[in-house]
C-alpha atoms as a PDB file:
ATOM      1  CA  UNK A   1     100.786  79.968-134.186  1.00  0.00           C
ATOM      2  CA  UNK A   2      98.221  79.364-132.396  1.00  0.00           C
ATOM      3  CA  UNK A   3      97.223  79.179-128.839  1.00  0.00           C
ATOM      4  CA  UNK A   4      97.588  74.996-128.902  1.00  0.00           C
ATOM      5  CA  UNK A   5     101.731  75.428-130.003  1.00  0.00           C
ATOM      6  CA  UNK A   6     103.850  74.087-127.348  1.00  0.00           C
ATOM      7  CA  UNK A   7     106.851  75.410-126.459  1.00  0.00           C
ATOM      8  CA  UNK A   8     109.966  72.299-126.158  1.00  0.00           C
ATOM      9  CA  UNK A   9     111.765  73.626-122.916  1.00  0.00           C
ATOM     10  CA  UNK A  10     114.159  72.001-120.862  1.00  0.00           C
ATOM     11  CA  UNK A  11     114.371  71.526-117.205  1.00  0.00           C
ATOM     12  CA  UNK A  12     117.981  70.180-115.687  1.00  0.00           C
ATOM     13  CA  UNK A  13     117.592  68.330-112.944  1.00  0.00           C
ATOM     14  CA  UNK A  14     121.130  68.464-111.644  1.00  0.00           C
ATOM     15  CA  UNK A  15     122.686  71.516-113.385  1.00  0.00           C
ATOM     16  CA  UNK A  16     124.761  73.092-111.074  1.00  0.00           C
ATOM     17  CA  UNK A  17     125.719  69.821-109.893  1.00  0.00           C
ATOM     18  CA  UNK A  18     126.475  67.886-112.945  1.00  0.00           C
ATOM     19  CA  UNK A  19     127.695  70.793-116.254  1.00  0.00           C
ATOM     20  CA  UNK A  20     129.663  67.604-117.771  1.00  0.00           C
ATOM     21  CA  UNK A  21     126.548  66.041-118.680  1.00  0.00           C
ATOM     22  CA  UNK A  22     124.192  69.303-119.505  1.00  0.00           C
ATOM     23  CA  UNK A  23     121.648  68.698-122.000  1.00  0.00           C
ATOM     24  CA  UNK A  24     122.049  64.755-121.614  1.00  0.00           C
ATOM     25  CA  UNK A  25     119.311  64.325-118.719  1.00  0.00           C
ATOM     26  CA  UNK A  26     116.530  65.919-119.564  1.00  0.00           C
ATOM     27  CA  UNK A  27     112.895  66.775-118.931  1.00  0.00           C
ATOM     28  CA  UNK A  28     110.807  67.726-121.932  1.00  0.00           C
ATOM     29  CA  UNK A  29     107.701  70.630-120.761  1.00  0.00           C
ATOM     30  CA  UNK A  30     104.941  71.984-122.985  1.00  0.00           C
ATOM     31  CA  UNK A  31     103.633  75.344-121.772  1.00  0.00           C
ATOM     32  CA  UNK A  32     100.817  76.542-124.544  1.00  0.00           C
ATOM     33  CA  UNK A  33     102.619  79.346-125.881  1.00  0.00           C
ATOM     34  CA  UNK A  34      99.348  82.051-125.576  1.00  0.00           C
ATOM     35  CA  UNK A  35     100.434  81.303-121.566  1.00  0.00           C
ATOM     36  CA  UNK A  36     104.162  82.160-121.900  1.00  0.00           C
ATOM     37  CA  UNK A  37     105.760  84.245-119.874  1.00  0.00           C
ATOM     38  CA  UNK A  38     108.859  82.987-118.326  1.00  0.00           C
ATOM     39  CA  UNK A  39     108.373  83.740-114.311  1.00  0.00           C
ATOM     40  CA  UNK A  40     105.306  81.776-114.066  1.00  0.00           C
ATOM     41  CA  UNK A  41     106.594  79.492-116.185  1.00  0.00           C
ATOM     42  CA  UNK A  42     109.579  78.975-114.112  1.00  0.00           C
ATOM     43  CA  UNK A  43     107.291  78.790-111.257  1.00  0.00           C
ATOM     44  CA  UNK A  44     106.106  75.674-112.719  1.00  0.00           C
ATOM     45  CA  UNK A  45     107.910  73.169-114.082  1.00  0.00           C
ATOM     46  CA  UNK A  46     107.897  70.500-112.321  1.00  0.00           C
ATOM     47  CA  UNK A  47     106.364  71.138-109.414  1.00  0.00           C
ATOM     48  CA  UNK A  48     109.408  72.772-108.265  1.00  0.00           C
ATOM     49  CA  UNK A  49     109.773  76.835-106.301  1.00  0.00           C
ATOM     50  CA  UNK A  50     111.489  78.908-107.961  1.00  0.00           C
ATOM     51  CA  UNK A  51     115.211  79.216-108.443  1.00  0.00           C
ATOM     52  CA  UNK A  52     118.717  80.182-109.712  1.00  0.00           C
ATOM     53  CA  UNK A  53     119.068  77.029-111.335  1.00  0.00           C
ATOM     54  CA  UNK A  54     115.702  76.940-113.114  1.00  0.00           C
ATOM     55  CA  UNK A  55     116.045  80.602-114.671  1.00  0.00           C
ATOM     56  CA  UNK A  56     119.962  79.521-115.944  1.00  0.00           C
ATOM     57  CA  UNK A  57     118.790  76.119-117.726  1.00  0.00           C
ATOM     58  CA  UNK A  58     115.586  78.085-119.102  1.00  0.00           C
ATOM     59  CA  UNK A  59     117.356  80.817-119.812  1.00  0.00           C
ATOM     60  CA  UNK A  60     120.527  79.119-121.114  1.00  0.00           C
ATOM     61  CA  UNK A  61     118.078  77.278-123.489  1.00  0.00           C
ATOM     62  CA  UNK A  62     115.638  80.522-124.781  1.00  0.00           C
ATOM     63  CA  UNK A  63     119.433  81.870-125.724  1.00  0.00           C
ATOM     64  CA  UNK A  64     120.715  78.759-127.823  1.00  0.00           C
ATOM     65  CA  UNK A  65     117.903  78.346-129.623  1.00  0.00           C
ATOM     66  CA  UNK A  66     118.712  81.036-131.402  1.00  0.00           C
ATOM     67  CA  UNK A  67     119.993  82.978-134.044  1.00  0.00           C
ATOM     68  CA  UNK A  68     120.829  79.744-136.672  1.00  0.00           C
ATOM     69  CA  UNK A  69     118.592  81.990-139.112  1.00  0.00           C
ATOM     70  CA  UNK A  70     118.361  85.221-137.980  1.00  0.00           C
ATOM     71  CA  UNK A  71     118.278  87.665-140.638  1.00  0.00           C
ATOM     72  CA  UNK A  72     120.702  89.832-141.873  1.00  0.00           C
ATOM     73  CA  UNK A  73     120.660  93.961-141.708  1.00  0.00           C
ATOM     74  CA  UNK A  74     124.029  95.332-142.777  1.00  0.00           C
ATOM     75  CA  UNK A  75     125.382  99.110-142.437  1.00  0.00           C
ATOM     76  CA  UNK A  76     128.298  97.494-144.621  1.00  0.00           C
ATOM     77  CA  UNK A  77     127.382  95.855-147.809  1.00  0.00           C
ATOM     78  CA  UNK A  78     129.552  95.262-150.705  1.00  0.00           C
ATOM     79  CA  UNK A  79     130.650  98.070-152.538  1.00  0.00           C
ATOM     80  CA  UNK A  80     129.127  97.927-156.403  1.00  0.00           C
ATOM     81  CA  UNK A  81     132.356  98.047-159.373  1.00  0.00           C
ATOM     82  CA  UNK A  82     134.263  97.091-156.669  1.00  0.00           C
ATOM     83  CA  UNK A  83     138.065  96.299-157.639  1.00  0.00           C
ATOM     84  CA  UNK A  84     140.502  95.826-155.559  1.00  0.00           C
ATOM     85  CA  UNK A  85     143.409  96.723-156.955  1.00  0.00           C
ATOM     86  CA  UNK A  86     142.385 100.458-157.427  1.00  0.00           C
ATOM     87  CA  UNK A  87     141.469 100.245-153.769  1.00  0.00           C
ATOM     88  CA  UNK A  88     145.073  98.820-152.378  1.00  0.00           C
ATOM     89  CA  UNK A  89     146.536 101.629-154.542  1.00  0.00           C
ATOM     90  CA  UNK A  90     144.551 104.442-153.183  1.00  0.00           C
ATOM     91  CA  UNK A  91     145.631 102.560-149.521  1.00  0.00           C
ATOM     92  CA  UNK A  92     149.724 102.336-150.277  1.00  0.00           C
ATOM     93  CA  UNK A  93     149.527 106.386-151.672  1.00  0.00           C
ATOM     94  CA  UNK A  94     147.346 107.288-147.634  1.00  0.00           C
ATOM     95  CA  UNK A  95     150.373 105.486-146.457  1.00  0.00           C
ATOM     96  CA  UNK A  96     152.829 107.165-147.650  1.00  0.00           C
ATOM     97  CA  UNK A  97     151.621 110.330-147.956  1.00  0.00           C
ATOM     98  CA  UNK A  98     153.299 112.889-145.062  1.00  0.00           C
ATOM     99  CA  UNK A  99     151.603 112.660-141.522  1.00  0.00           C
ATOM    100  CA  UNK A 100     149.082 109.712-143.628  1.00  0.00           C
ATOM    101  CA  UNK A 101     146.283 110.321-145.094  1.00  0.00           C
ATOM    102  CA  UNK A 102     143.812 108.818-142.057  1.00  0.00           C
ATOM    103  CA  UNK A 103     140.982 109.895-143.743  1.00  0.00           C
ATOM    104  CA  UNK A 104     141.404 108.032-147.323  1.00  0.00           C
ATOM    105  CA  UNK A 105     141.887 104.327-145.401  1.00  0.00           C
ATOM    106  CA  UNK A 106     138.643 105.547-143.415  1.00  0.00           C
ATOM    107  CA  UNK A 107     136.671 105.935-146.724  1.00  0.00           C
ATOM    108  CA  UNK A 108     137.937 102.716-148.303  1.00  0.00           C
ATOM    109  CA  UNK A 109     137.457  99.926-145.755  1.00  0.00           C
ATOM    110  CA  UNK A 110     134.926 101.075-143.742  1.00  0.00           C
ATOM    111  CA  UNK A 111     132.569 100.976-146.958  1.00  0.00           C
ATOM    112  CA  UNK A 112     133.964  97.392-147.855  1.00  0.00           C
ATOM    113  CA  UNK A 113     132.637  94.145-146.523  1.00  0.00           C
ATOM    114  CA  UNK A 114     135.450  92.177-145.211  1.00  0.00           C
ATOM    115  CA  UNK A 115     135.796  89.553-147.857  1.00  0.00           C
ATOM    116  CA  UNK A 116     136.041  92.572-149.896  1.00  0.00           C
ATOM    117  CA  UNK A 117     139.178  94.128-147.724  1.00  0.00           C
ATOM    118  CA  UNK A 118     140.370  90.802-147.704  1.00  0.00           C
ATOM    119  CA  UNK A 119     141.020  91.009-151.267  1.00  0.00           C
ATOM    120  CA  UNK A 120     142.260  94.708-151.378  1.00  0.00           C
ATOM    121  CA  UNK A 121     144.770  93.061-148.472  1.00  0.00           C
ATOM    122  CA  UNK A 122     145.741  90.483-151.004  1.00  0.00           C
ATOM    123  CA  UNK A 123     146.159  93.328-154.263  1.00  0.00           C
ATOM    124  CA  UNK A 124     148.232  95.141-151.684  1.00  0.00           C
ATOM    125  CA  UNK A 125     150.738  92.845-150.735  1.00  0.00           C
ATOM    126  CA  UNK A 126     151.319  92.220-154.498  1.00  0.00           C
ATOM    127  CA  UNK A 127     151.945  95.712-155.365  1.00  0.00           C
ATOM    128  CA  UNK A 128     153.427  96.930-151.990  1.00  0.00           C
ATOM    129  CA  UNK A 129     155.593  93.860-152.041  1.00  0.00           C
ATOM    130  CA  UNK A 130     154.363  93.603-148.454  1.00  0.00           C
ATOM    131  CA  UNK A 131     151.437  92.718-145.834  1.00  0.00           C
ATOM    132  CA  UNK A 132     149.064  95.490-145.762  1.00  0.00           C
ATOM    133  CA  UNK A 133     148.146  95.308-141.989  1.00  0.00           C
ATOM    134  CA  UNK A 134     151.650  95.037-140.212  1.00  0.00           C
ATOM    135  CA  UNK A 135     151.993  98.906-142.614  1.00  0.00           C
ATOM    136  CA  UNK A 136     148.405 100.142-141.441  1.00  0.00           C
ATOM    137  CA  UNK A 137     149.570  99.352-137.431  1.00  0.00           C
ATOM    138  CA  UNK A 138     153.288 101.322-138.466  1.00  0.00           C
ATOM    139  CA  UNK A 139     150.854 103.882-140.426  1.00  0.00           C
ATOM    140  CA  UNK A 140     148.047 104.400-137.856  1.00  0.00           C
ATOM    141  CA  UNK A 141     147.691 104.541-133.806  1.00  0.00           C
ATOM    142  CA  UNK A 142     145.588 104.951-131.077  1.00  0.00           C
ATOM    143  CA  UNK A 143     141.760 104.315-131.194  1.00  0.00           C
ATOM    144  CA  UNK A 144     141.727 104.305-135.206  1.00  0.00           C
ATOM    145  CA  UNK A 145     144.390 101.878-135.122  1.00  0.00           C
ATOM    146  CA  UNK A 146     141.512  99.855-133.105  1.00  0.00           C
ATOM    147  CA  UNK A 147     138.719 100.085-135.720  1.00  0.00           C
ATOM    148  CA  UNK A 148     141.117  99.596-139.013  1.00  0.00           C
ATOM    149  CA  UNK A 149     142.686  96.391-137.401  1.00  0.00           C
ATOM    150  CA  UNK A 150     138.998  94.894-136.005  1.00  0.00           C
ATOM    151  CA  UNK A 151     137.480  95.705-140.029  1.00  0.00           C
ATOM    152  CA  UNK A 152     140.557  93.261-141.181  1.00  0.00           C
ATOM    153  CA  UNK A 153     139.527  90.807-139.012  1.00  0.00           C
ATOM    154  CA  UNK A 154     136.046  88.382-139.837  1.00  0.00           C
ATOM    155  CA  UNK A 155     133.121  88.350-137.388  1.00  0.00           C
ATOM    156  CA  UNK A 156     133.957  85.863-135.475  1.00  0.00           C
ATOM    157  CA  UNK A 157     137.529  86.562-135.875  1.00  0.00           C
ATOM    158  CA  UNK A 158     136.706  90.081-134.444  1.00  0.00           C
ATOM    159  CA  UNK A 159     134.704  87.540-131.493  1.00  0.00           C
ATOM    160  CA  UNK A 160     137.482  85.292-130.690  1.00  0.00           C
ATOM    161  CA  UNK A 161     139.939  88.521-130.190  1.00  0.00           C
ATOM    162  CA  UNK A 162     138.205  90.564-128.455  1.00  0.00           C
ATOM    163  CA  UNK A 163     136.689  87.289-125.246  1.00  0.00           C
ATOM    164  CA  UNK A 164     140.908  86.787-125.676  1.00  0.00           C
ATOM    165  CA  UNK A 165     141.585  89.855-124.461  1.00  0.00           C
ATOM    166  CA  UNK A 166     139.109  90.268-121.721  1.00  0.00           C
ATOM    167  CA  UNK A 167     140.377  86.862-120.095  1.00  0.00           C
ATOM    168  CA  UNK A 168     144.362  87.238-120.209  1.00  0.00           C
ATOM    169  CA  UNK A 169     147.124  88.417-118.514  1.00  0.00           C
ATOM    170  CA  UNK A 170     145.594  90.189-114.203  1.00  0.00           C
ATOM    171  CA  UNK A 171     142.121  90.068-114.170  1.00  0.00           C
ATOM    172  CA  UNK A 172     138.931  89.544-116.537  1.00  0.00           C
ATOM    173  CA  UNK A 173     136.976  91.680-118.566  1.00  0.00           C
ATOM    174  CA  UNK A 174     133.689  90.627-117.420  1.00  0.00           C
ATOM    175  CA  UNK A 175     131.609  93.069-119.623  1.00  0.00           C
ATOM    176  CA  UNK A 176     133.408  92.198-122.575  1.00  0.00           C
ATOM    177  CA  UNK A 177     132.670  88.816-121.987  1.00  0.00           C
ATOM    178  CA  UNK A 178     129.214  88.893-120.990  1.00  0.00           C
ATOM    179  CA  UNK A 179     128.135  91.010-124.309  1.00  0.00           C
ATOM    180  CA  UNK A 180     129.806  88.721-126.607  1.00  0.00           C
ATOM    181  CA  UNK A 181     129.304  84.941-125.389  1.00  0.00           C
ATOM    182  CA  UNK A 182     125.237  85.809-124.128  1.00  0.00           C
ATOM    183  CA  UNK A 183     124.193  87.502-127.426  1.00  0.00           C
ATOM    184  CA  UNK A 184     125.748  85.263-129.657  1.00  0.00           C
ATOM    185  CA  UNK A 185     123.473  82.318-131.037  1.00  0.00           C
ATOM    186  CA  UNK A 186     124.750  78.525-131.219  1.00  0.00           C
ATOM    187  CA  UNK A 187     126.301  79.107-134.343  1.00  0.00           C
ATOM    188  CA  UNK A 188     127.986  81.681-133.949  1.00  0.00           C
ATOM    189  CA  UNK A 189     129.816  80.510-130.305  1.00  0.00           C
ATOM    190  CA  UNK A 190     130.738  77.369-132.755  1.00  0.00           C
ATOM    191  CA  UNK A 191     132.006  79.080-135.156  1.00  0.00           C
ATOM    192  CA  UNK A 192     133.810  81.845-132.955  1.00  0.00           C
ATOM    193  CA  UNK A 193     134.870  78.561-131.015  1.00  0.00           C
ATOM    194  CA  UNK A 194     136.896  76.745-133.943  1.00  0.00           C
ATOM    195  CA  UNK A 195     138.396  80.486-134.872  1.00  0.00           C
ATOM    196  CA  UNK A 196     139.136  80.962-131.696  1.00  0.00           C
ATOM    197  CA  UNK A 197     141.402  77.522-131.748  1.00  0.00           C
ATOM    198  CA  UNK A 198     143.563  78.933-134.759  1.00  0.00           C
ATOM    199  CA  UNK A 199     144.008  81.972-133.389  1.00  0.00           C
ATOM    200  CA  UNK A 200     145.481  81.638-129.894  1.00  0.00           C
ATOM    201  CA  UNK A 201     146.209  77.572-130.293  1.00  0.00           C
ATOM    202  CA  UNK A 202     143.767  77.200-126.994  1.00  0.00           C
ATOM    203  CA  UNK A 203     140.371  75.661-126.010  1.00  0.00           C
ATOM    204  CA  UNK A 204     138.159  79.106-125.521  1.00  0.00           C
ATOM    205  CA  UNK A 205     135.857  76.573-123.435  1.00  0.00           C
ATOM    206  CA  UNK A 206     139.521  75.686-120.774  1.00  0.00           C
ATOM    207  CA  UNK A 207     139.951  79.131-121.627  1.00  0.00           C
ATOM    208  CA  UNK A 208     136.600  80.863-119.876  1.00  0.00           C
ATOM    209  CA  UNK A 209     137.340  77.769-117.011  1.00  0.00           C
ATOM    210  CA  UNK A 210     140.950  78.982-116.085  1.00  0.00           C
ATOM    211  CA  UNK A 211     139.451  82.503-115.721  1.00  0.00           C
ATOM    212  CA  UNK A 212     136.121  82.498-114.374  1.00  0.00           C
ATOM    213  CA  UNK A 213     134.545  80.406-111.351  1.00  0.00           C
ATOM    214  CA  UNK A 214     131.228  79.600-109.013  1.00  0.00           C
ATOM    215  CA  UNK A 215     128.031  79.644-111.191  1.00  0.00           C
ATOM    216  CA  UNK A 216     128.903  82.276-113.335  1.00  0.00           C
ATOM    217  CA  UNK A 217     131.648  80.707-114.680  1.00  0.00           C
ATOM    218  CA  UNK A 218     129.171  77.287-114.886  1.00  0.00           C
ATOM    219  CA  UNK A 219     126.571  79.693-116.902  1.00  0.00           C
ATOM    220  CA  UNK A 220     129.354  80.569-119.175  1.00  0.00           C
ATOM    221  CA  UNK A 221     129.842  77.381-119.979  1.00  0.00           C
ATOM    222  CA  UNK A 222     126.895  76.365-120.214  1.00  0.00           C
ATOM    223  CA  UNK A 223     126.671  78.514-123.087  1.00  0.00           C
ATOM    224  CA  UNK A 224     130.433  78.530-124.965  1.00  0.00           C
ATOM    225  CA  UNK A 225     130.060  74.306-125.029  1.00  0.00           C
ATOM    226  CA  UNK A 226     126.492  75.247-126.567  1.00  0.00           C
ATOM    227  CA  UNK A 227     125.220  71.440-126.238  1.00  0.00           C
ATOM    228  CA  UNK A 228     121.125  71.511-126.420  1.00  0.00           C
ATOM    229  CA  UNK A 229     118.845  70.238-126.913  1.00  0.00           C
ATOM    230  CA  UNK A 230     117.086  71.510-130.420  1.00  0.00           C
ATOM    231  CA  UNK A 231     113.250  72.283-129.784  1.00  0.00           C
ATOM    232  CA  UNK A 232     110.871  70.341-132.064  1.00  0.00           C
ATOM    233  CA  UNK A 233     109.209  72.425-134.208  1.00  0.00           C
ATOM    234  CA  UNK A 234     109.422  76.147-134.513  1.00  0.00           C
ATOM    235  CA  UNK A 235     108.387  77.846-131.535  1.00  0.00           C
ATOM    236  CA  UNK A 236     106.091  81.531-131.191  1.00  0.00           C
ATOM    237  CA  UNK A 237     107.401  82.481-128.321  1.00  0.00           C
ATOM    238  CA  UNK A 238     105.323  85.990-127.057  1.00  0.00           C
ATOM    239  CA  UNK A 239     107.495  89.062-125.463  1.00  0.00           C
ATOM    240  CA  UNK A 240     108.587  87.924-121.891  1.00  0.00           C
ATOM    241  CA  UNK A 241     107.038  90.135-119.277  1.00  0.00           C
ATOM    242  CA  UNK A 242     109.329  92.585-117.141  1.00  0.00           C
ATOM    243  CA  UNK A 243     108.704  90.245-114.184  1.00  0.00           C
ATOM    244  CA  UNK A 244     111.147  87.589-115.764  1.00  0.00           C
ATOM    245  CA  UNK A 245     113.779  90.300-114.715  1.00  0.00           C
ATOM    246  CA  UNK A 246     112.632  91.029-111.188  1.00  0.00           C
ATOM    247  CA  UNK A 247     113.318  87.650-110.312  1.00  0.00           C
ATOM    248  CA  UNK A 248     116.626  87.656-111.413  1.00  0.00           C
ATOM    249  CA  UNK A 249     117.481  90.140-109.959  1.00  0.00           C
ATOM    250  CA  UNK A 250     116.252  89.076-106.838  1.00  0.00           C
ATOM    251  CA  UNK A 251     117.357  85.663-106.590  1.00  0.00           C
ATOM    252  CA  UNK A 252     121.509  86.399-107.932  1.00  0.00           C
ATOM    253  CA  UNK A 253     123.932  89.786-108.307  1.00  0.00           C
ATOM    254  CA  UNK A 254     126.702  90.521-110.043  1.00  0.00           C
ATOM    255  CA  UNK A 255     127.542  89.646-113.118  1.00  0.00           C
ATOM    256  CA  UNK A 256     125.119  86.407-112.815  1.00  0.00           C
ATOM    257  CA  UNK A 257     122.959  88.658-112.801  1.00  0.00           C
ATOM    258  CA  UNK A 258     124.578  90.439-116.036  1.00  0.00           C
ATOM    259  CA  UNK A 259     123.997  87.501-117.871  1.00  0.00           C
ATOM    260  CA  UNK A 260     121.158  85.845-116.982  1.00  0.00           C
ATOM    261  CA  UNK A 261     119.466  90.045-117.717  1.00  0.00           C
ATOM    262  CA  UNK A 262     121.304  90.158-121.219  1.00  0.00           C
ATOM    263  CA  UNK A 263     120.399  86.130-121.697  1.00  0.00           C
ATOM    264  CA  UNK A 264     116.674  87.714-121.215  1.00  0.00           C
ATOM    265  CA  UNK A 265     117.454  90.881-123.249  1.00  0.00           C
ATOM    266  CA  UNK A 266     118.349  89.383-126.145  1.00  0.00           C
ATOM    267  CA  UNK A 267     116.221  86.979-126.732  1.00  0.00           C
ATOM    268  CA  UNK A 268     113.605  89.163-126.023  1.00  0.00           C
ATOM    269  CA  UNK A 269     114.555  92.644-128.982  1.00  0.00           C
ATOM    270  CA  UNK A 270     119.137  91.449-129.423  1.00  0.00           C
ATOM    271  CA  UNK A 271     119.184  95.138-131.047  1.00  0.00           C
ATOM    272  CA  UNK A 272     117.415  96.796-129.001  1.00  0.00           C
ATOM    273  CA  UNK A 273     119.832  95.463-126.538  1.00  0.00           C
ATOM    274  CA  UNK A 274     122.928  96.700-128.761  1.00  0.00           C
ATOM    275  CA  UNK A 275     121.478  99.779-128.744  1.00  0.00           C
ATOM    276  CA  UNK A 276     121.418  99.851-125.184  1.00  0.00           C
ATOM    277  CA  UNK A 277     124.397  99.563-124.651  1.00  0.00           C
ATOM    278  CA  UNK A 278     125.151 101.849-127.160  1.00  0.00           C
ATOM    279  CA  UNK A 279     123.480 104.513-125.891  1.00  0.00           C
ATOM    280  CA  UNK A 280     124.980 104.009-122.039  1.00  0.00           C
ATOM    281  CA  UNK A 281     128.508 104.711-123.882  1.00  0.00           C
ATOM    282  CA  UNK A 282     127.794 107.975-124.632  1.00  0.00           C
ATOM    283  CA  UNK A 283     126.340 109.361-121.853  1.00  0.00           C
ATOM    284  CA  UNK A 284     128.465 111.181-120.651  1.00  0.00           C
ATOM    285  CA  UNK A 285     130.270 114.005-122.420  1.00  0.00           C
ATOM    286  CA  UNK A 286     132.482 111.750-124.189  1.00  0.00           C
ATOM    287  CA  UNK A 287     131.947 107.874-125.387  1.00  0.00           C
ATOM    288  CA  UNK A 288     133.330 104.386-124.336  1.00  0.00           C
ATOM    289  CA  UNK A 289     135.397 103.969-126.587  1.00  0.00           C
ATOM    290  CA  UNK A 290     135.738 100.232-126.285  1.00  0.00           C
ATOM    291  CA  UNK A 291     132.351  99.994-126.130  1.00  0.00           C
ATOM    292  CA  UNK A 292     131.478 101.916-129.002  1.00  0.00           C
ATOM    293  CA  UNK A 293     134.134 100.341-130.983  1.00  0.00           C
ATOM    294  CA  UNK A 294     133.305  96.519-130.194  1.00  0.00           C
ATOM    295  CA  UNK A 295     129.306  96.946-131.450  1.00  0.00           C
ATOM    296  CA  UNK A 296     130.013  99.008-134.754  1.00  0.00           C
ATOM    297  CA  UNK A 297     132.627  97.247-135.587  1.00  0.00           C
ATOM    298  CA  UNK A 298     131.189  93.404-134.558  1.00  0.00           C
ATOM    299  CA  UNK A 299     127.426  94.536-135.801  1.00  0.00           C
ATOM    300  CA  UNK A 300     128.526  96.608-138.374  1.00  0.00           C
ATOM    301  CA  UNK A 301     128.173  93.276-141.201  1.00  0.00           C
ATOM    302  CA  UNK A 302     125.211  91.688-138.940  1.00  0.00           C
ATOM    303  CA  UNK A 303     122.400  94.279-137.658  1.00  0.00           C
ATOM    304  CA  UNK A 304     123.207  97.261-137.405  1.00  0.00           C
ATOM    305  CA  UNK A 305     120.931  98.842-139.667  1.00  0.00           C
ATOM    306  CA  UNK A 306     118.162  97.187-137.160  1.00  0.00           C
ATOM    307  CA  UNK A 307     120.492  98.730-134.483  1.00  0.00           C
ATOM    308  CA  UNK A 308     120.160 102.823-135.390  1.00  0.00           C
ATOM    309  CA  UNK A 309     116.618 101.847-136.567  1.00  0.00           C
ATOM    310  CA  UNK A 310     116.284 100.962-132.543  1.00  0.00           C
ATOM    311  CA  UNK A 311     118.670 103.191-131.158  1.00  0.00           C
ATOM    312  CA  UNK A 312     116.338 106.054-132.685  1.00  0.00           C
ATOM    313  CA  UNK A 313     113.195 104.708-131.277  1.00  0.00           C
ATOM    314  CA  UNK A 314     114.988 104.100-127.331  1.00  0.00           C
ATOM    315  CA  UNK A 315     116.667 107.330-127.043  1.00  0.00           C
ATOM    316  CA  UNK A 316     114.422 109.847-129.364  1.00  0.00           C
ATOM    317  CA  UNK A 317     118.124 110.708-131.896  1.00  0.00           C
ATOM    318  CA  UNK A 318     119.800 109.241-134.517  1.00  0.00           C
ATOM    319  CA  UNK A 319     122.792 107.324-133.388  1.00  0.00           C
ATOM    320  CA  UNK A 320     124.336 109.303-135.979  1.00  0.00           C
ATOM    321  CA  UNK A 321     123.490 112.595-134.429  1.00  0.00           C
ATOM    322  CA  UNK A 322     124.776 111.143-130.977  1.00  0.00           C
ATOM    323  CA  UNK A 323     128.291 109.300-132.339  1.00  0.00           C
ATOM    324  CA  UNK A 324     129.124 113.215-133.861  1.00  0.00           C
ATOM    325  CA  UNK A 325     127.641 114.435-130.099  1.00  0.00           C
ATOM    326  CA  UNK A 326     130.622 112.357-128.762  1.00  0.00           C
ATOM    327  CA  UNK A 327     133.257 111.963-130.694  1.00  0.00           C
ATOM    328  CA  UNK A 328     135.966 113.379-132.723  1.00  0.00           C
ATOM    329  CA  UNK A 329     138.554 113.654-135.746  1.00  0.00           C
ATOM    330  CA  UNK A 330     138.988 110.075-137.638  1.00  0.00           C
ATOM    331  CA  UNK A 331     138.097 107.892-134.766  1.00  0.00           C
ATOM    332  CA  UNK A 332     134.696 110.066-135.821  1.00  0.00           C
ATOM    333  CA  UNK A 333     135.146 109.651-139.105  1.00  0.00           C
ATOM    334  CA  UNK A 334     135.460 105.329-138.594  1.00  0.00           C
ATOM    335  CA  UNK A 335     132.475 105.302-136.316  1.00  0.00           C
ATOM    336  CA  UNK A 336     130.126 107.413-138.652  1.00  0.00           C
ATOM    337  CA  UNK A 337     131.853 105.714-141.773  1.00  0.00           C
ATOM    338  CA  UNK A 338     130.751 102.451-140.196  1.00  0.00           C
ATOM    339  CA  UNK A 339     127.123 103.847-139.200  1.00  0.00           C
ATOM    340  CA  UNK A 340     126.639 104.321-142.752  1.00  0.00           C
ATOM    341  CA  UNK A 341     124.335 107.490-142.535  1.00  0.00           C
ATOM    342  CA  UNK A 342     120.935 109.371-140.244  1.00  0.00           C
ATOM    343  CA  UNK A 343     118.258 108.212-139.541  1.00  0.00           C
END
C-alpha cells in the first residue's frame, strides 16, 4: 500500500488509571505508513511526552491487531492414508511391550495432527477398553511423557494448560506467561480463555489478576481481555526500528520490559521471536527442555516450518542439527519428529 495510507492507532488517555473501560474512550490518530516508526509516533501522539502508558497502549493495540488471518507453516501435517485403528493397534502393542516401545509411540504421534491423534485415542478406547491418555501416562515418564501428553491436547488446550501451570501454586512463571499471552493473537486468546474455563472451571482474567501485580498485571489483562477497536482498513506496517526497543528499555524494566519487548518482536516477526527463544534455550551443553518442549509442541501445527527457516538464518545451523546436539534419547527422537526434517 502507498504512503498515503493512514494507520489507525488507539491512544487511551487513562489506560493505567481506568483499566476496566480500556479501549472505550479513545482518540483515533492517523500516521502516514511511509513515516511509521513506533518511537517517533509515540513521541508525536497528541503532542504528549513519551510515557510508559503510551507504550502500553500502542504496543497492546499493535499486538492485538495481529493474527486473525495469519498463514500456517506447520511441520506436522495430516498423514496420508490415515488409519486410526491401525495406529491404535500399534500404540497398544508398544505399551504392552516389555520395557515399552517408545520409538513406535513417538513415530506415530509426532507424525499425526491433533485431530488424527484424537481419532487414534477413540480407536484405542474401542479396542483396549481403556483410555489412551491414562495408558500412556502409566507407560511413559519424564520429558517424553510431557511431550506426548502435550501432543494429545489441541493448541488452545495446550496453551491454556501451560498458562495454568505458570500461575498455580507458589510463585509465578512469568517467562511462560509472557511468552504465551504476548505472542498469541486476539482470536487465539479468545479461544484460550474459553478452553481455560472448560478445563479448570476458572476465569483466566481473574487468575492472571490474582497472580500478578502493578503495571505488568494491567498489561497482561489488557491483552487477555482482547478489548480493542478494529482498524478501519488494512494497514501496511513498516519494519519497527531498534529505537522502539531502546526506548522501552529506558522507560521500564523487569517483567513489564520483557512483555513490551515480546510484543515488539512478535509484531515485527513472530517466527524470528520463537527462533530466538529456541536458540537461547539451546545455548548451553544441554537444552532448557521446558522452553524447547513448549515451543515445539505449541507451534508444530502452526508455524514451525517458518521458525525452522528463521532459526537457520539466525544461527547458521539448522534447528534439526541443533536439537540433535543438545538433546538425547527418546526426548530427542520426539523433538526431531516434530521438527520433521533438516534444512
